[in-house]
Protein backbone atom coordinates (compact mmCIF):
# COMPACT_ATOMS: atom_id res chain seq x y z
CA MET A 1 -107.93 -64.40 -3.57
CA GLU A 2 -104.84 -64.48 -1.55
CA THR A 3 -105.67 -64.65 1.65
CA ASP A 4 -108.50 -68.01 0.72
CA PHE A 5 -105.11 -69.75 -0.49
CA ILE A 6 -103.55 -68.84 2.91
CA LEU A 7 -106.21 -70.05 4.87
CA ALA A 8 -106.30 -73.17 3.02
CA THR A 9 -102.71 -73.93 3.06
CA LEU A 10 -102.71 -73.55 7.11
CA PHE A 11 -105.59 -75.49 7.36
CA ASN A 12 -104.41 -78.55 5.26
CA LEU A 13 -101.13 -77.92 7.33
CA SER A 14 -102.44 -78.13 10.61
CA VAL A 15 -104.76 -81.24 9.71
CA ASN A 16 -101.38 -82.78 8.20
CA ILE A 17 -99.47 -82.24 11.62
CA ILE A 18 -102.73 -83.76 13.72
CA PHE A 19 -102.75 -86.89 11.75
CA THR A 20 -99.01 -86.98 12.19
CA LEU A 21 -99.24 -86.89 15.80
CA ILE A 22 -102.23 -89.53 16.06
CA ALA A 23 -99.91 -91.65 14.03
CA LEU A 24 -97.35 -91.15 16.06
CA GLY A 25 -98.88 -92.01 19.28
CA VAL A 26 -100.27 -94.69 17.83
CA GLY A 27 -97.46 -96.49 16.64
CA VAL A 28 -95.49 -95.66 19.89
CA GLY A 29 -98.23 -96.92 21.86
CA ALA A 30 -98.37 -100.44 19.76
CA LEU A 31 -94.60 -100.96 20.29
CA ARG A 32 -95.45 -100.51 23.80
CA VAL A 33 -98.06 -102.87 23.92
CA ILE A 34 -96.12 -105.61 21.79
CA ASP A 35 -92.95 -105.01 23.87
CA GLN A 36 -95.12 -105.67 27.64
CA TYR A 37 -98.02 -108.05 26.00
CA LEU A 38 -96.01 -110.54 22.98
CA LEU A 39 -92.66 -109.80 23.94
CA LYS A 40 -92.23 -110.53 28.11
CA SER A 41 -88.72 -111.93 27.88
CA VAL A 42 -87.27 -109.61 25.43
CA ASP A 43 -86.58 -105.80 26.30
CA ILE A 44 -86.59 -103.77 23.20
CA GLU A 45 -85.15 -100.56 25.01
CA LYS A 46 -82.43 -102.70 26.40
CA GLU A 47 -81.35 -104.34 23.12
CA LEU A 48 -81.60 -101.05 21.27
CA LYS A 49 -78.70 -99.69 23.42
CA ALA A 50 -77.03 -102.78 22.99
CA ASN A 51 -76.99 -101.97 19.09
CA ASN A 52 -79.14 -105.27 18.32
CA MET A 53 -79.76 -104.67 14.68
CA ALA A 54 -82.56 -107.65 14.49
CA VAL A 55 -84.69 -105.66 17.28
CA ALA A 56 -84.04 -102.57 15.72
CA ILE A 57 -85.53 -103.57 12.40
CA PHE A 58 -88.37 -105.36 14.22
CA ALA A 59 -89.30 -102.27 16.06
CA SER A 60 -89.10 -100.22 12.80
CA THR A 61 -90.99 -102.62 10.99
CA VAL A 62 -93.64 -102.33 13.26
CA LEU A 63 -94.07 -98.90 12.75
CA ILE A 64 -94.10 -98.98 9.15
CA PHE A 65 -97.04 -101.39 9.65
CA VAL A 66 -99.05 -99.00 12.16
CA ALA A 67 -98.35 -96.04 10.06
CA LEU A 68 -99.91 -97.49 7.08
CA ILE A 69 -102.81 -98.78 8.98
CA VAL A 70 -103.53 -95.72 10.74
CA SER A 71 -102.96 -93.53 7.28
CA PHE A 72 -105.35 -95.36 5.25
CA GLY A 73 -107.38 -95.45 8.20
CA LEU A 74 -107.33 -91.48 8.23
CA LYS A 75 -107.79 -91.36 4.46
CA GLY A 76 -111.43 -93.06 5.00
């Protein structure tokens, strides 16, 4: 009984880690695409290093929305 519970827990943990890595990769990829193609005149990394709060809020909002979309897509 205990080994079944431990195996189920480890399986759920590994599935959640895989989903987290997929969501993180998609989020960073989406932010890169937005930075390269939609905002050609704004360098997000340079503006973040210059402590531009508007760009930081925009980047975090993009990552949150992509995470929501990926999480709903993975839930089925």
